[in-house]
Amino acid sequence: MPAFGFAHLRSRRHHSDIIEYLERIQATLDPFAGRFVIHGPPTEVLEGHWPGSMVLIGFPGPAEARAWYDSAAYQDILRLRTDHIEGDVLLIDGVGPGYDPAERARGLPTESEPRE
């Protein structure tokens, strides 16, 4: 099952550290088969308000995503980004082939049923 590293970057500054971060990040992803799926603007907001930009990095699975984030190579460049960009970063499990949202819905309680 795929996994993703998701970042919602609310403020961006194109500091020289950010340029260095961008030049070095792919080398940290390669050992874990990580690849950029989405990388920033442009964004077309269809509903609500979206301040900032989005980054989505795909991995073969959750173990690779966590190993990348915890790797010495990534930790070595992390502050290049965090010192200059405010945002949130999440690791998220994806869904596999054949995922059926209707099946999930059948297992969810309705408002009239008690929640666990």
Protein backbone atom coordinates (compact mmCIF):
# COMPACT_ATOMS: atom_id res chain seq x y z
CA MET A 1 0.00 0.00 0.00
CA PRO A 2 1.45 3.40 -0.92
CA ALA A 3 2.22 6.11 1.61
CA PHE A 4 2.69 9.83 1.24
CA GLY A 5 4.53 12.68 2.82
CA PHE A 6 2.21 15.68 2.73
CA ALA A 7 3.23 19.26 3.49
CA HIS A 8 0.98 22.29 3.76
CA LEU A 9 3.38 25.21 3.47
CA ARG A 10 1.71 28.41 4.64
CA SER A 11 4.56 30.84 4.19
CA ARG A 12 7.39 30.63 1.71
CA ARG A 13 10.58 32.61 1.46
CA HIS A 14 13.03 31.92 -1.34
CA HIS A 15 16.06 32.14 0.91
CA SER A 16 19.33 30.63 -0.35
CA ASP A 17 18.82 27.79 2.18
CA ILE A 18 15.58 26.86 0.38
CA ILE A 19 17.43 26.68 -2.93
CA GLU A 20 20.01 24.38 -1.33
CA TYR A 21 17.21 22.25 0.20
CA LEU A 22 15.59 21.86 -3.22
CA GLU A 23 18.91 20.96 -4.81
CA ARG A 24 19.56 18.25 -2.20
CA ILE A 25 16.16 16.71 -1.39
CA GLN A 26 15.89 14.29 -4.33
CA ALA A 27 19.09 12.53 -3.27
CA THR A 28 17.47 11.89 0.14
CA LEU A 29 14.35 10.43 -1.52
CA ASP A 30 16.09 8.12 -4.01
CA PRO A 31 17.12 5.37 -1.53
CA PHE A 32 13.47 5.07 -0.42
CA ALA A 33 11.89 5.22 -3.90
CA GLY A 34 10.31 8.57 -3.02
CA ARG A 35 9.04 10.86 -5.76
CA PHE A 36 7.30 14.19 -5.94
CA VAL A 37 3.65 13.85 -6.90
CA ILE A 38 2.69 17.51 -6.23
CA HIS A 39 5.14 20.33 -5.68
CA GLY A 40 3.60 23.69 -4.91
CA PRO A 41 1.60 26.15 -6.97
CA PRO A 42 -0.28 26.73 -9.12
CA THR A 43 -3.42 25.76 -7.20
CA GLU A 44 -7.02 26.16 -8.26
CA VAL A 45 -9.12 26.43 -5.10
CA LEU A 46 -12.61 25.10 -5.86
CA GLU A 47 -14.06 25.27 -2.35
CA GLY A 48 -12.99 27.14 0.76
CA HIS A 49 -9.73 28.98 1.18
CA TRP A 50 -6.24 27.51 0.80
CA PRO A 51 -3.45 29.65 2.19
CA GLY A 52 -0.04 28.57 0.99
CA SER A 53 1.04 25.66 -1.14
CA MET A 54 1.07 21.88 -1.08
CA VAL A 55 3.76 19.26 -1.52
CA LEU A 56 2.98 15.55 -1.87
CA ILE A 57 5.73 12.93 -2.03
CA GLY A 58 4.85 9.32 -2.80
CA PHE A 59 6.54 6.22 -1.38
CA PRO A 60 5.99 2.49 -1.94
CA GLY A 61 4.77 2.11 1.66
CA PRO A 62 4.69 3.56 5.17
CA ALA A 63 8.03 1.99 6.15
CA GLU A 64 9.85 3.76 3.32
CA ALA A 65 8.14 7.08 4.10
CA ARG A 66 9.14 6.92 7.78
CA ALA A 67 12.66 5.71 6.97
CA TRP A 68 13.15 8.64 4.58
CA TYR A 69 11.97 11.23 7.09
CA ASP A 70 14.12 9.74 9.86
CA SER A 71 17.18 9.27 7.62
CA ALA A 72 20.39 11.09 8.47
CA ALA A 73 20.48 12.53 4.93
CA TYR A 74 17.05 14.15 5.25
CA GLN A 75 17.56 15.27 8.84
CA ASP A 76 20.76 16.95 7.66
CA ILE A 77 18.82 19.27 5.31
CA LEU A 78 15.55 19.61 7.23
CA ARG A 79 16.45 22.90 8.96
CA LEU A 80 17.19 24.47 5.60
CA ARG A 81 13.42 24.35 5.07
CA THR A 82 12.03 24.70 8.59
CA ASP A 83 14.07 27.82 9.35
CA HIS A 84 12.36 29.65 6.47
CA ILE A 85 8.98 28.07 5.77
CA GLU A 86 6.08 27.71 8.20
CA GLY A 87 3.93 24.67 7.62
CA ASP A 88 2.68 21.26 8.65
CA VAL A 89 4.09 17.92 7.51
CA LEU A 90 2.26 14.59 7.74
CA LEU A 91 2.94 10.98 6.78
CA ILE A 92 -0.25 9.41 5.44
CA ASP A 93 -1.05 5.83 4.44
CA GLY A 94 -2.58 5.59 1.00
CA VAL A 95 -5.23 3.18 -0.17
CA GLY A 96 -4.54 0.16 -2.32
CA PRO A 97 -6.03 -0.96 -5.61
CA GLY A 98 -9.69 -1.84 -5.34
CA TYR A 99 -10.36 0.56 -2.47
CA ASP A 100 -14.12 1.02 -2.15
CA PRO A 101 -15.35 4.07 -0.22
CA ALA A 102 -18.87 2.58 -0.13
CA GLU A 103 -17.50 -0.41 1.80
CA ARG A 104 -15.91 1.96 4.30
CA ALA A 105 -19.18 3.88 4.60
CA ARG A 106 -21.02 0.69 5.54
CA GLY A 107 -18.73 0.35 8.57
CA LEU A 108 -19.16 3.90 9.85
CA PRO A 109 -21.74 4.73 12.52
CA THR A 110 -24.45 7.22 11.66
CA GLU A 111 -25.27 10.19 13.89
CA SER A 112 -28.04 8.22 15.56
CA GLU A 113 -25.65 5.36 16.49
CA PRO A 114 -23.16 5.57 19.36
CA ARG A 115 -19.55 6.12 18.39
CA GLU A 116 -16.78 3.87 19.59
